[in-house]
Amino acid sequence: MRFTPRKTDALFDLLRPIVSGLNMTLVEVAVARRKGSAHIKIVVYKDGVVGIDDCSRVHRAVVPRLDLAFPQEDFSVEVSSPGIERLFKNASEFALFIGRGVRCYRTDISDWTGGVLKSADETRIALENEQGTALLEYGVIAKAKLDKSYEVYSRE
């Protein structure tokens, strides 16, 4: 897995302050065009649970902006949480989920390592589990996902 800073994305940049104003973090915006219309998928995150009411609030807040961004197009909007087992798309996502349970498939040992994500920078992450703290360089992580089962363990 590689750490690459988020690329400049005009739509992401347009929606981020709206979502932030609702005390949530914008994780992902994806646009799929089908037969003259656009389907816009928005993934948001906050500490705790992202519920239906949160997704509805985001939906109501972003639609007026999307009307301006897609003036001549029909579009639909889907707002969701990252899900309990979100597969990370890029190593830069780790910083969003500090304090959450994460499981990483490692190429150096051909096995999974999991724990509570304690830190993430541009080169590596720190996972804390019952064996202690595992420091993983991004180069040895083939894939990673959220894993709620590790959240029951914490050494705080």
N, C-alpha and C. Protein backbone atom coordinates (compact mmCIF):
# COMPACT_ATOMS: atom_id res chain seq x y z
N MET A 1 0.87 -1.17 0.00
CA MET A 1 0.00 0.00 0.00
C MET A 1 0.91 1.22 0.00
N ARG A 2 0.49 2.23 -0.73
CA ARG A 2 1.30 3.44 -0.80
C ARG A 2 0.56 4.60 -0.18
N PHE A 3 1.33 5.48 0.43
CA PHE A 3 0.78 6.72 0.95
C PHE A 3 0.87 7.76 -0.16
N THR A 4 -0.26 8.22 -0.63
CA THR A 4 -0.27 9.32 -1.59
C THR A 4 -1.25 10.35 -1.07
N PRO A 5 -0.80 11.58 -0.97
CA PRO A 5 -1.73 12.61 -0.50
C PRO A 5 -2.93 12.68 -1.44
N ARG A 6 -4.06 13.10 -0.90
CA ARG A 6 -5.28 13.21 -1.70
C ARG A 6 -5.03 14.14 -2.86
N LYS A 7 -5.39 13.68 -4.06
CA LYS A 7 -5.26 14.51 -5.24
C LYS A 7 -6.29 15.63 -5.19
N THR A 8 -5.98 16.71 -5.85
CA THR A 8 -6.93 17.81 -5.92
C THR A 8 -8.17 17.33 -6.67
N ASP A 9 -9.30 17.49 -6.03
CA ASP A 9 -10.58 17.07 -6.60
C ASP A 9 -11.57 18.18 -6.31
N ALA A 10 -12.00 18.86 -7.36
CA ALA A 10 -12.87 20.03 -7.18
C ALA A 10 -14.16 19.69 -6.45
N LEU A 11 -14.76 18.55 -6.76
CA LEU A 11 -16.02 18.17 -6.11
C LEU A 11 -15.79 17.85 -4.63
N PHE A 12 -14.73 17.12 -4.34
CA PHE A 12 -14.38 16.81 -2.95
C PHE A 12 -14.15 18.12 -2.18
N ASP A 13 -13.38 19.03 -2.79
CA ASP A 13 -13.08 20.31 -2.15
C ASP A 13 -14.34 21.16 -1.96
N LEU A 14 -15.30 21.03 -2.87
CA LEU A 14 -16.56 21.76 -2.76
C LEU A 14 -17.42 21.25 -1.60
N LEU A 15 -17.42 19.93 -1.41
CA LEU A 15 -18.29 19.32 -0.40
C LEU A 15 -17.66 19.22 0.99
N ARG A 16 -16.35 19.20 1.07
CA ARG A 16 -15.68 19.03 2.36
C ARG A 16 -16.12 20.04 3.42
N PRO A 17 -16.16 21.36 3.13
CA PRO A 17 -16.58 22.30 4.18
C PRO A 17 -18.03 22.12 4.61
N ILE A 18 -18.87 21.68 3.72
CA ILE A 18 -20.28 21.44 4.07
C ILE A 18 -20.37 20.29 5.07
N VAL A 19 -19.67 19.20 4.77
CA VAL A 19 -19.67 18.03 5.65
C VAL A 19 -19.00 18.36 6.98
N SER A 20 -17.90 19.10 6.93
CA SER A 20 -17.21 19.51 8.16
C SER A 20 -18.12 20.35 9.04
N GLY A 21 -18.92 21.21 8.43
CA GLY A 21 -19.86 22.03 9.17
C GLY A 21 -20.92 21.22 9.91
N LEU A 22 -21.09 19.97 9.50
CA LEU A 22 -22.03 19.06 10.16
C LEU A 22 -21.30 18.17 11.17
N ASN A 23 -20.05 18.51 11.49
CA ASN A 23 -19.21 17.77 12.44
C ASN A 23 -18.91 16.34 11.99
N MET A 24 -18.70 16.20 10.69
CA MET A 24 -18.31 14.91 10.12
C MET A 24 -17.12 15.13 9.19
N THR A 25 -16.49 14.04 8.79
CA THR A 25 -15.35 14.09 7.89
C THR A 25 -15.75 13.46 6.56
N LEU A 26 -15.43 14.12 5.48
CA LEU A 26 -15.67 13.57 4.15
C LEU A 26 -14.54 12.60 3.84
N VAL A 27 -14.89 11.35 3.58
CA VAL A 27 -13.90 10.30 3.32
C VAL A 27 -13.71 10.12 1.81
N GLU A 28 -14.82 10.11 1.08
CA GLU A 28 -14.74 9.78 -0.35
C GLU A 28 -15.93 10.38 -1.09
N VAL A 29 -15.65 10.81 -2.32
CA VAL A 29 -16.70 11.23 -3.25
C VAL A 29 -16.40 10.53 -4.57
N ALA A 30 -17.36 9.80 -5.10
CA ALA A 30 -17.19 9.12 -6.38
C ALA A 30 -18.36 9.45 -7.27
N VAL A 31 -18.07 9.72 -8.54
CA VAL A 31 -19.11 10.04 -9.51
C VAL A 31 -19.08 8.98 -10.61
N ALA A 32 -20.23 8.36 -10.85
CA ALA A 32 -20.37 7.40 -11.94
C ALA A 32 -21.44 7.94 -12.88
N ARG A 33 -21.08 8.02 -14.15
CA ARG A 33 -22.03 8.53 -15.14
C ARG A 33 -22.68 7.35 -15.86
N ARG A 34 -24.02 7.41 -15.96
CA ARG A 34 -24.78 6.35 -16.63
C ARG A 34 -25.91 6.97 -17.43
N LYS A 35 -25.92 6.74 -18.72
CA LYS A 35 -27.02 7.14 -19.60
C LYS A 35 -27.49 8.58 -19.37
N GLY A 36 -26.57 9.50 -19.39
CA GLY A 36 -26.93 10.90 -19.28
C GLY A 36 -27.18 11.41 -17.88
N SER A 37 -26.96 10.60 -16.88
CA SER A 37 -27.12 11.07 -15.50
C SER A 37 -25.88 10.70 -14.70
N ALA A 38 -25.77 11.30 -13.54
CA ALA A 38 -24.62 11.05 -12.67
C ALA A 38 -25.10 10.45 -11.36
N HIS A 39 -24.40 9.44 -10.89
CA HIS A 39 -24.66 8.88 -9.56
C HIS A 39 -23.49 9.29 -8.69
N ILE A 40 -23.77 10.03 -7.62
CA ILE A 40 -22.72 10.56 -6.75
C ILE A 40 -22.77 9.82 -5.43
N LYS A 41 -21.67 9.14 -5.11
CA LYS A 41 -21.58 8.40 -3.85
C LYS A 41 -20.67 9.17 -2.91
N ILE A 42 -21.19 9.45 -1.71
CA ILE A 42 -20.46 10.22 -0.71
C ILE A 42 -20.32 9.36 0.54
N VAL A 43 -19.10 9.24 1.05
CA VAL A 43 -18.84 8.49 2.27
C VAL A 43 -18.39 9.48 3.34
N VAL A 44 -19.07 9.46 4.49
CA VAL A 44 -18.76 10.37 5.59
C VAL A 44 -18.45 9.58 6.85
N TYR A 45 -17.69 10.22 7.75
CA TYR A 45 -17.28 9.56 8.99
C TYR A 45 -17.34 10.55 10.14
N LYS A 46 -17.63 10.04 11.33
CA LYS A 46 -17.52 10.83 12.55
C LYS A 46 -17.21 9.86 13.68
N ASP A 47 -16.70 10.39 14.79
CA ASP A 47 -16.50 9.54 15.96
C ASP A 47 -17.86 9.03 16.39
N GLY A 48 -17.94 7.79 16.76
CA GLY A 48 -19.22 7.21 17.11
C GLY A 48 -19.84 6.57 15.87
N VAL A 49 -21.14 6.54 15.86
CA VAL A 49 -21.88 5.88 14.78
C VAL A 49 -22.42 6.91 13.80
N VAL A 50 -22.23 6.66 12.52
CA VAL A 50 -22.86 7.46 11.48
C VAL A 50 -24.20 6.78 11.18
N GLY A 51 -25.28 7.45 11.55
CA GLY A 51 -26.60 6.86 11.39
C GLY A 51 -27.35 7.42 10.19
N ILE A 52 -28.56 6.95 10.03
CA ILE A 52 -29.41 7.39 8.93
C ILE A 52 -29.67 8.89 9.01
N ASP A 53 -29.90 9.38 10.22
CA ASP A 53 -30.14 10.83 10.38
C ASP A 53 -28.93 11.65 9.93
N ASP A 54 -27.72 11.16 10.24
CA ASP A 54 -26.51 11.86 9.80
C ASP A 54 -26.42 11.88 8.28
N CYS A 55 -26.68 10.73 7.66
CA CYS A 55 -26.62 10.65 6.20
C CYS A 55 -27.68 11.56 5.57
N SER A 56 -28.85 11.62 6.16
CA SER A 56 -29.92 12.49 5.65
C SER A 56 -29.53 13.95 5.76
N ARG A 57 -28.91 14.33 6.88
CA ARG A 57 -28.46 15.72 7.05
C ARG A 57 -27.43 16.09 5.99
N VAL A 58 -26.49 15.19 5.73
CA VAL A 58 -25.48 15.46 4.70
C VAL A 58 -26.16 15.57 3.34
N HIS A 59 -27.06 14.65 3.04
CA HIS A 59 -27.76 14.66 1.76
C HIS A 59 -28.46 16.00 1.53
N ARG A 60 -29.24 16.44 2.52
CA ARG A 60 -29.97 17.71 2.40
C ARG A 60 -29.01 18.89 2.24
N ALA A 61 -27.87 18.83 2.90
CA ALA A 61 -26.92 19.95 2.85
C ALA A 61 -26.16 20.02 1.53
N VAL A 62 -25.84 18.88 0.92
CA VAL A 62 -25.01 18.90 -0.29
C VAL A 62 -25.80 19.03 -1.59
N VAL A 63 -27.07 18.64 -1.61
CA VAL A 63 -27.84 18.68 -2.86
C VAL A 63 -27.88 20.07 -3.49
N PRO A 64 -28.09 21.16 -2.73
CA PRO A 64 -28.07 22.48 -3.39
C PRO A 64 -26.73 22.79 -4.06
N ARG A 65 -25.62 22.38 -3.45
CA ARG A 65 -24.31 22.60 -4.06
C ARG A 65 -24.14 21.74 -5.31
N LEU A 66 -24.65 20.51 -5.25
CA LEU A 66 -24.54 19.63 -6.41
C LEU A 66 -25.41 20.12 -7.56
N ASP A 67 -26.53 20.77 -7.24
CA ASP A 67 -27.36 21.39 -8.29
C ASP A 67 -26.53 22.42 -9.06
N LEU A 68 -25.68 23.16 -8.37
CA LEU A 68 -24.82 24.14 -9.02
C LEU A 68 -23.68 23.48 -9.79
N ALA A 69 -23.16 22.39 -9.26
CA ALA A 69 -22.03 21.70 -9.88
C ALA A 69 -22.46 20.89 -11.12
N PHE A 70 -23.70 20.44 -11.14
CA PHE A 70 -24.22 19.64 -12.25
C PHE A 70 -25.49 20.31 -12.80
N PRO A 71 -25.38 21.53 -13.35
CA PRO A 71 -26.57 22.30 -13.70
C PRO A 71 -27.43 21.70 -14.81
N GLN A 72 -26.84 21.03 -15.74
CA GLN A 72 -27.58 20.49 -16.89
C GLN A 72 -27.73 18.98 -16.82
N GLU A 73 -27.49 18.39 -15.66
CA GLU A 73 -27.49 16.93 -15.56
C GLU A 73 -28.45 16.46 -14.49
N ASP A 74 -29.09 15.34 -14.75
CA ASP A 74 -29.83 14.65 -13.70
C ASP A 74 -28.80 13.91 -12.86
N PHE A 75 -29.01 13.89 -11.55
CA PHE A 75 -28.08 13.15 -10.70
C PHE A 75 -28.83 12.55 -9.52
N SER A 76 -28.23 11.50 -8.97
CA SER A 76 -28.72 10.92 -7.73
C SER A 76 -27.57 10.95 -6.74
N VAL A 77 -27.90 11.00 -5.46
CA VAL A 77 -26.89 11.09 -4.41
C VAL A 77 -27.10 9.97 -3.41
N GLU A 78 -26.03 9.29 -3.09
CA GLU A 78 -26.03 8.24 -2.06
C GLU A 78 -25.03 8.65 -1.00
N VAL A 79 -25.47 8.75 0.25
CA VAL A 79 -24.58 9.09 1.36
C VAL A 79 -24.53 7.89 2.29
N SER A 80 -23.32 7.49 2.68
CA SER A 80 -23.19 6.33 3.56
C SER A 80 -22.01 6.53 4.51
N SER A 81 -21.94 5.63 5.49
CA SER A 81 -20.80 5.58 6.40
C SER A 81 -19.72 4.72 5.75
N PRO A 82 -18.52 4.69 6.32
CA PRO A 82 -17.48 3.83 5.76
C PRO A 82 -17.80 2.34 5.88
N GLY A 83 -18.72 1.99 6.74
CA GLY A 83 -19.03 0.57 6.95
C GLY A 83 -18.12 -0.02 8.00
N ILE A 84 -18.55 -1.12 8.59
CA ILE A 84 -17.77 -1.67 9.70
C ILE A 84 -16.51 -2.40 9.23
N GLU A 85 -16.43 -2.76 7.94
CA GLU A 85 -15.23 -3.39 7.41
C GLU A 85 -14.75 -2.71 6.15
N ARG A 86 -14.69 -1.38 6.17
CA ARG A 86 -14.26 -0.62 4.98
C ARG A 86 -12.86 -1.05 4.57
N LEU A 87 -12.71 -1.33 3.29
CA LEU A 87 -11.41 -1.61 2.72
C LEU A 87 -10.76 -0.28 2.37
N PHE A 88 -9.58 -0.02 2.91
CA PHE A 88 -8.90 1.25 2.67
C PHE A 88 -8.48 1.33 1.21
N LYS A 89 -8.71 2.48 0.60
CA LYS A 89 -8.37 2.68 -0.81
C LYS A 89 -6.94 3.21 -0.96
N ASN A 90 -6.45 3.89 0.08
CA ASN A 90 -5.13 4.51 0.04
C ASN A 90 -4.62 4.63 1.47
N ALA A 91 -3.33 4.58 1.63
CA ALA A 91 -2.75 4.67 2.97
C ALA A 91 -3.05 6.00 3.66
N SER A 92 -3.37 7.04 2.90
CA SER A 92 -3.69 8.33 3.52
C SER A 92 -4.99 8.26 4.34
N GLU A 93 -5.82 7.23 4.14
CA GLU A 93 -7.05 7.07 4.91
C GLU A 93 -6.80 6.68 6.37
N PHE A 94 -5.64 6.10 6.67
CA PHE A 94 -5.38 5.65 8.04
C PHE A 94 -5.57 6.78 9.05
N ALA A 95 -5.11 7.97 8.72
CA ALA A 95 -5.20 9.09 9.66
C ALA A 95 -6.64 9.40 10.06
N LEU A 96 -7.60 9.07 9.22
CA LEU A 96 -9.01 9.32 9.54
C LEU A 96 -9.54 8.40 10.63
N PHE A 97 -8.93 7.23 10.77
CA PHE A 97 -9.50 6.20 11.62
C PHE A 97 -8.66 5.88 12.86
N ILE A 98 -7.86 6.81 13.32
CA ILE A 98 -7.09 6.61 14.55
C ILE A 98 -8.07 6.36 15.70
N GLY A 99 -7.77 5.33 16.49
CA GLY A 99 -8.63 4.95 17.59
C GLY A 99 -9.60 3.83 17.22
N ARG A 100 -9.64 3.46 15.96
CA ARG A 100 -10.53 2.40 15.50
C ARG A 100 -9.74 1.10 15.30
N GLY A 101 -10.45 -0.01 15.31
CA GLY A 101 -9.83 -1.30 15.04
C GLY A 101 -9.52 -1.44 13.55
N VAL A 102 -8.31 -1.92 13.25
CA VAL A 102 -7.86 -2.06 11.87
C VAL A 102 -7.15 -3.41 11.74
N ARG A 103 -7.32 -4.03 10.58
CA ARG A 103 -6.63 -5.28 10.28
C ARG A 103 -5.89 -5.10 8.95
N CYS A 104 -4.60 -5.47 8.93
CA CYS A 104 -3.76 -5.30 7.75
C CYS A 104 -3.20 -6.65 7.30
N TYR A 105 -3.27 -6.91 5.99
CA TYR A 105 -2.61 -8.10 5.45
C TYR A 105 -1.19 -7.70 5.07
N ARG A 106 -0.23 -8.39 5.66
CA ARG A 106 1.18 -8.04 5.51
C ARG A 106 1.87 -8.95 4.51
N THR A 107 2.63 -8.35 3.60
CA THR A 107 3.36 -9.14 2.61
C THR A 107 4.63 -9.76 3.19
N ASP A 108 5.17 -9.18 4.26
CA ASP A 108 6.41 -9.70 4.83
C ASP A 108 6.20 -11.01 5.59
N ILE A 109 5.01 -11.25 6.12
CA ILE A 109 4.75 -12.49 6.85
C ILE A 109 3.57 -13.28 6.27
N SER A 110 2.96 -12.77 5.20
CA SER A 110 1.79 -13.40 4.55
C SER A 110 0.70 -13.75 5.56
N ASP A 111 0.38 -12.77 6.40
CA ASP A 111 -0.65 -12.98 7.41
C ASP A 111 -1.22 -11.62 7.81
N TRP A 112 -2.30 -11.68 8.58
CA TRP A 112 -2.97 -10.48 9.05
C TRP A 112 -2.41 -10.04 10.39
N THR A 113 -2.33 -8.74 10.60
CA THR A 113 -2.00 -8.16 11.88
C THR A 113 -3.07 -7.12 12.17
N GLY A 114 -3.63 -7.18 13.36
CA GLY A 114 -4.69 -6.24 13.69
C GLY A 114 -4.48 -5.61 15.04
N GLY A 115 -5.26 -4.58 15.28
CA GLY A 115 -5.21 -3.90 16.56
C GLY A 115 -5.91 -2.56 16.46
N VAL A 116 -5.79 -1.80 17.52
CA VAL A 116 -6.34 -0.45 17.54
C VAL A 116 -5.30 0.47 16.92
N LEU A 117 -5.72 1.25 15.93
CA LEU A 117 -4.82 2.16 15.24
C LEU A 117 -4.49 3.31 16.17
N LYS A 118 -3.22 3.42 16.55
CA LYS A 118 -2.79 4.45 17.49
C LYS A 118 -2.20 5.67 16.80
N SER A 119 -1.54 5.46 15.66
CA SER A 119 -0.98 6.60 14.93
C SER A 119 -0.78 6.22 13.47
N ALA A 120 -0.70 7.25 12.64
CA ALA A 120 -0.45 7.08 11.21
C ALA A 120 0.23 8.33 10.69
N ASP A 121 1.36 8.13 10.00
CA ASP A 121 2.03 9.28 9.39
C ASP A 121 2.27 8.94 7.92
N GLU A 122 3.21 9.59 7.30
CA GLU A 122 3.44 9.38 5.88
C GLU A 122 4.25 8.14 5.56
N THR A 123 4.77 7.45 6.58
CA THR A 123 5.60 6.27 6.32
C THR A 123 5.09 4.98 6.95
N ARG A 124 4.36 5.09 8.08
CA ARG A 124 3.95 3.88 8.77
C ARG A 124 2.77 4.13 9.70
N ILE A 125 2.25 3.01 10.23
CA ILE A 125 1.18 3.06 11.22
C ILE A 125 1.61 2.31 12.47
N ALA A 126 0.92 2.57 13.57
CA ALA A 126 1.15 1.83 14.81
C ALA A 126 -0.18 1.21 15.22
N LEU A 127 -0.19 -0.11 15.39
CA LEU A 127 -1.36 -0.85 15.85
C LEU A 127 -1.06 -1.42 17.22
N GLU A 128 -1.98 -1.22 18.15
CA GLU A 128 -1.81 -1.76 19.50
C GLU A 128 -2.78 -2.91 19.69
N ASN A 129 -2.23 -4.05 20.15
CA ASN A 129 -3.06 -5.22 20.44
C ASN A 129 -2.53 -5.90 21.70
N GLU A 130 -3.04 -7.07 21.99
CA GLU A 130 -2.65 -7.75 23.23
C GLU A 130 -1.17 -8.12 23.28
N GLN A 131 -0.50 -8.20 22.13
CA GLN A 131 0.94 -8.49 22.12
C GLN A 131 1.79 -7.24 22.29
N GLY A 132 1.20 -6.07 22.20
CA GLY A 132 1.96 -4.83 22.29
C GLY A 132 1.66 -3.93 21.12
N THR A 133 2.69 -3.20 20.67
CA THR A 133 2.51 -2.27 19.56
C THR A 133 3.26 -2.79 18.35
N ALA A 134 2.57 -2.87 17.22
CA ALA A 134 3.17 -3.28 15.95
C ALA A 134 3.31 -2.04 15.07
N LEU A 135 4.53 -1.76 14.63
CA LEU A 135 4.79 -0.66 13.70
C LEU A 135 4.89 -1.25 12.30
N LEU A 136 4.01 -0.80 11.40
CA LEU A 136 3.98 -1.35 10.05
C LEU A 136 4.27 -0.25 9.03
N GLU A 137 5.31 -0.46 8.23
CA GLU A 137 5.59 0.44 7.11
C GLU A 137 4.54 0.18 6.04
N TYR A 138 4.14 1.22 5.32
CA TYR A 138 3.12 1.05 4.29
C TYR A 138 3.53 0.04 3.22
N GLY A 139 4.82 -0.07 2.96
CA GLY A 139 5.30 -0.99 1.94
C GLY A 139 4.99 -2.45 2.20
N VAL A 140 4.77 -2.83 3.46
CA VAL A 140 4.47 -4.24 3.76
C VAL A 140 2.96 -4.50 3.88
N ILE A 141 2.14 -3.47 3.74
CA ILE A 141 0.69 -3.64 3.86
C ILE A 141 0.10 -3.83 2.46
N ALA A 142 -0.42 -5.02 2.20
CA ALA A 142 -1.04 -5.31 0.90
C ALA A 142 -2.45 -4.76 0.85
N LYS A 143 -3.18 -4.92 1.96
CA LYS A 143 -4.52 -4.35 2.06
C LYS A 143 -4.85 -4.17 3.53
N ALA A 144 -5.79 -3.28 3.78
CA ALA A 144 -6.19 -2.99 5.16
C ALA A 144 -7.68 -2.68 5.19
N LYS A 145 -8.29 -2.98 6.34
CA LYS A 145 -9.70 -2.66 6.50
C LYS A 145 -10.02 -2.43 7.96
N LEU A 146 -11.12 -1.73 8.17
CA LEU A 146 -11.60 -1.54 9.53
C LEU A 146 -12.03 -2.89 10.08
N ASP A 147 -11.84 -3.09 11.37
CA ASP A 147 -12.24 -4.34 12.00
C ASP A 147 -12.67 -4.05 13.42
N LYS A 148 -13.96 -4.01 13.63
CA LYS A 148 -14.54 -3.64 14.92
C LYS A 148 -14.13 -4.59 16.05
N SER A 149 -13.77 -5.83 15.74
CA SER A 149 -13.43 -6.79 16.79
C SER A 149 -12.21 -6.34 17.60
N TYR A 150 -11.33 -5.53 17.03
CA TYR A 150 -10.16 -5.06 17.77
C TYR A 150 -10.47 -3.88 18.66
N GLU A 151 -11.62 -3.26 18.49
CA GLU A 151 -11.95 -2.08 19.28
C GLU A 151 -12.29 -2.42 20.72
N VAL A 152 -12.55 -3.68 21.02
CA VAL A 152 -12.83 -4.05 22.39
C VAL A 152 -11.56 -4.07 23.22
N TYR A 153 -10.41 -4.12 22.52
CA TYR A 153 -9.13 -4.12 23.22
C TYR A 153 -8.52 -2.74 23.19
N SER A 154 -8.12 -2.26 24.30
CA SER A 154 -7.41 -0.98 24.35
C SER A 154 -6.56 -0.95 25.61
N ARG A 155 -5.33 -0.50 25.51
CA ARG A 155 -4.41 -0.46 26.65
C ARG A 155 -4.40 0.89 27.33
N GLU A 156 -5.41 1.69 27.19
CA GLU A 156 -5.37 3.03 27.75
C GLU A 156 -5.59 3.04 29.23
